[in-house]
Amino acid sequence: MALHNLKIISGRACIKILCKEFGFVEIRQKGSHIILKKTTPFGDIGTVVPDHKELKIGTLKGILELAKVSESEFTKFL
């Protein structure tokens, strides 16, 4: 299993990267959770990012999995 060097980042930093680099848009917020969506030719892709100061690595992996963004692609922007 390859190590992709995911770092602990804030929810806001994660949102910034997903929106700027991967075309997601903020749809709404419920409590501390911000819902992002992206429309592709294959349908909509959505993910939820908690607005926390630090996202645990497992949480970040889950966010990227829902967003269909590979860890290696994401780490290029850290």
C-alpha atoms as a PDB file:
ATOM      1  CA  MET A   1       0.000   0.000   0.000  1.00  0.00           C
ATOM      2  CA  ALA A   2       1.465   3.331  -1.074  1.00  0.00           C
ATOM      3  CA  LEU A   3       1.911   6.088   1.437  1.00  0.00           C
ATOM      4  CA  HIS A   4       0.500   9.342   0.091  1.00  0.00           C
ATOM      5  CA  ASN A   5       1.571  11.650   2.921  1.00  0.00           C
ATOM      6  CA  LEU A   6      -1.848  13.030   3.774  1.00  0.00           C
ATOM      7  CA  LYS A   7      -1.415  15.753   6.371  1.00  0.00           C
ATOM      8  CA  ILE A   8      -3.682  16.944   9.133  1.00  0.00           C
ATOM      9  CA  ILE A   9      -5.322  20.040   7.690  1.00  0.00           C
ATOM     10  CA  SER A  10      -8.343  22.132   8.606  1.00  0.00           C
ATOM     11  CA  GLY A  11     -11.783  21.553   7.145  1.00  0.00           C
ATOM     12  CA  ARG A  12     -11.593  24.990   5.503  1.00  0.00           C
ATOM     13  CA  ALA A  13      -8.253  24.143   3.842  1.00  0.00           C
ATOM     14  CA  CYS A  14      -9.763  20.893   2.538  1.00  0.00           C
ATOM     15  CA  ILE A  15     -12.788  22.753   1.148  1.00  0.00           C
ATOM     16  CA  LYS A  16     -10.543  25.345  -0.505  1.00  0.00           C
ATOM     17  CA  ILE A  17      -8.563  22.621  -2.325  1.00  0.00           C
ATOM     18  CA  LEU A  18     -11.663  20.634  -3.355  1.00  0.00           C
ATOM     19  CA  CYS A  19     -13.367  23.772  -4.717  1.00  0.00           C
ATOM     20  CA  LYS A  20     -10.385  25.411  -6.410  1.00  0.00           C
ATOM     21  CA  GLU A  21      -8.623  22.340  -7.798  1.00  0.00           C
ATOM     22  CA  PHE A  22     -11.392  19.757  -8.250  1.00  0.00           C
ATOM     23  CA  GLY A  23     -14.424  21.866  -9.201  1.00  0.00           C
ATOM     24  CA  PHE A  24     -16.616  21.372  -6.133  1.00  0.00           C
ATOM     25  CA  VAL A  25     -19.017  24.064  -4.931  1.00  0.00           C
ATOM     26  CA  GLU A  26     -20.381  24.668  -1.443  1.00  0.00           C
ATOM     27  CA  ILE A  27     -24.078  23.801  -1.457  1.00  0.00           C
ATOM     28  CA  ARG A  28     -25.093  24.325   2.156  1.00  0.00           C
ATOM     29  CA  GLN A  29     -24.049  23.948   5.756  1.00  0.00           C
ATOM     30  CA  LYS A  30     -25.729  22.027   8.530  1.00  0.00           C
ATOM     31  CA  GLY A  31     -24.130  22.684  11.891  1.00  0.00           C
ATOM     32  CA  SER A  32     -20.386  22.322  11.446  1.00  0.00           C
ATOM     33  CA  HIS A  33     -20.744  20.164   8.323  1.00  0.00           C
ATOM     34  CA  ILE A  34     -20.381  21.748   4.898  1.00  0.00           C
ATOM     35  CA  ILE A  35     -21.863  19.914   1.923  1.00  0.00           C
ATOM     36  CA  LEU A  36     -19.960  20.135  -1.371  1.00  0.00           C
ATOM     37  CA  LYS A  37     -21.156  19.017  -4.789  1.00  0.00           C
ATOM     38  CA  LYS A  38     -19.746  18.680  -8.282  1.00  0.00           C
ATOM     39  CA  THR A  39     -21.666  17.838 -11.447  1.00  0.00           C
ATOM     40  CA  THR A  40     -19.916  15.486 -13.880  1.00  0.00           C
ATOM     41  CA  PRO A  41     -21.051  13.841 -17.129  1.00  0.00           C
ATOM     42  CA  PHE A  42     -21.606  10.697 -15.025  1.00  0.00           C
ATOM     43  CA  GLY A  43     -23.821  12.445 -12.466  1.00  0.00           C
ATOM     44  CA  ASP A  44     -23.395  14.450  -9.297  1.00  0.00           C
ATOM     45  CA  ILE A  45     -20.655  13.765  -6.780  1.00  0.00           C
ATOM     46  CA  GLY A  46     -21.062  15.006  -3.233  1.00  0.00           C
ATOM     47  CA  THR A  47     -19.039  15.000  -0.056  1.00  0.00           C
ATOM     48  CA  VAL A  48     -19.351  16.416   3.443  1.00  0.00           C
ATOM     49  CA  VAL A  49     -16.521  18.279   5.171  1.00  0.00           C
ATOM     50  CA  PRO A  50     -16.659  19.094   8.883  1.00  0.00           C
ATOM     51  CA  ASP A  51     -15.602  22.694   9.582  1.00  0.00           C
ATOM     52  CA  HIS A  52     -13.030  21.638  12.174  1.00  0.00           C
ATOM     53  CA  LYS A  53      -9.628  23.104  12.955  1.00  0.00           C
ATOM     54  CA  GLU A  54      -8.021  19.700  12.338  1.00  0.00           C
ATOM     55  CA  LEU A  55      -9.352  16.803  10.274  1.00  0.00           C
ATOM     56  CA  LYS A  56      -8.095  13.380  11.311  1.00  0.00           C
ATOM     57  CA  ILE A  57      -6.427  11.406   8.522  1.00  0.00           C
ATOM     58  CA  GLY A  58      -9.232   8.817   8.509  1.00  0.00           C
ATOM     59  CA  THR A  59     -11.834  11.576   8.176  1.00  0.00           C
ATOM     60  CA  LEU A  60      -9.912  13.156   5.312  1.00  0.00           C
ATOM     61  CA  LYS A  61      -9.662   9.765   3.571  1.00  0.00           C
ATOM     62  CA  GLY A  62     -13.438   9.378   3.873  1.00  0.00           C
ATOM     63  CA  ILE A  63     -14.031  12.851   2.453  1.00  0.00           C
ATOM     64  CA  LEU A  64     -11.780  12.091  -0.532  1.00  0.00           C
ATOM     65  CA  GLU A  65     -13.414   8.697  -1.081  1.00  0.00           C
ATOM     66  CA  LEU A  66     -16.872  10.302  -1.261  1.00  0.00           C
ATOM     67  CA  ALA A  67     -15.481  13.023  -3.532  1.00  0.00           C
ATOM     68  CA  LYS A  68     -13.859  10.389  -5.785  1.00  0.00           C
ATOM     69  CA  VAL A  69     -10.520  12.195  -5.477  1.00  0.00           C
ATOM     70  CA  SER A  70      -7.393  10.055  -5.103  1.00  0.00           C
ATOM     71  CA  GLU A  71      -5.096  10.723  -2.164  1.00  0.00           C
ATOM     72  CA  SER A  72      -2.136  11.167  -4.519  1.00  0.00           C
ATOM     73  CA  GLU A  73      -4.013  13.811  -6.568  1.00  0.00           C
ATOM     74  CA  PHE A  74      -5.086  15.656  -3.406  1.00  0.00           C
ATOM     75  CA  THR A  75      -1.613  15.676  -1.815  1.00  0.00           C
ATOM     76  CA  LYS A  76      -0.232  17.602  -4.813  1.00  0.00           C
ATOM     77  CA  PHE A  77      -2.092  20.645  -3.473  1.00  0.00           C
ATOM     78  CA  LEU A  78      -1.070  20.396   0.198  1.00  0.00           C
END
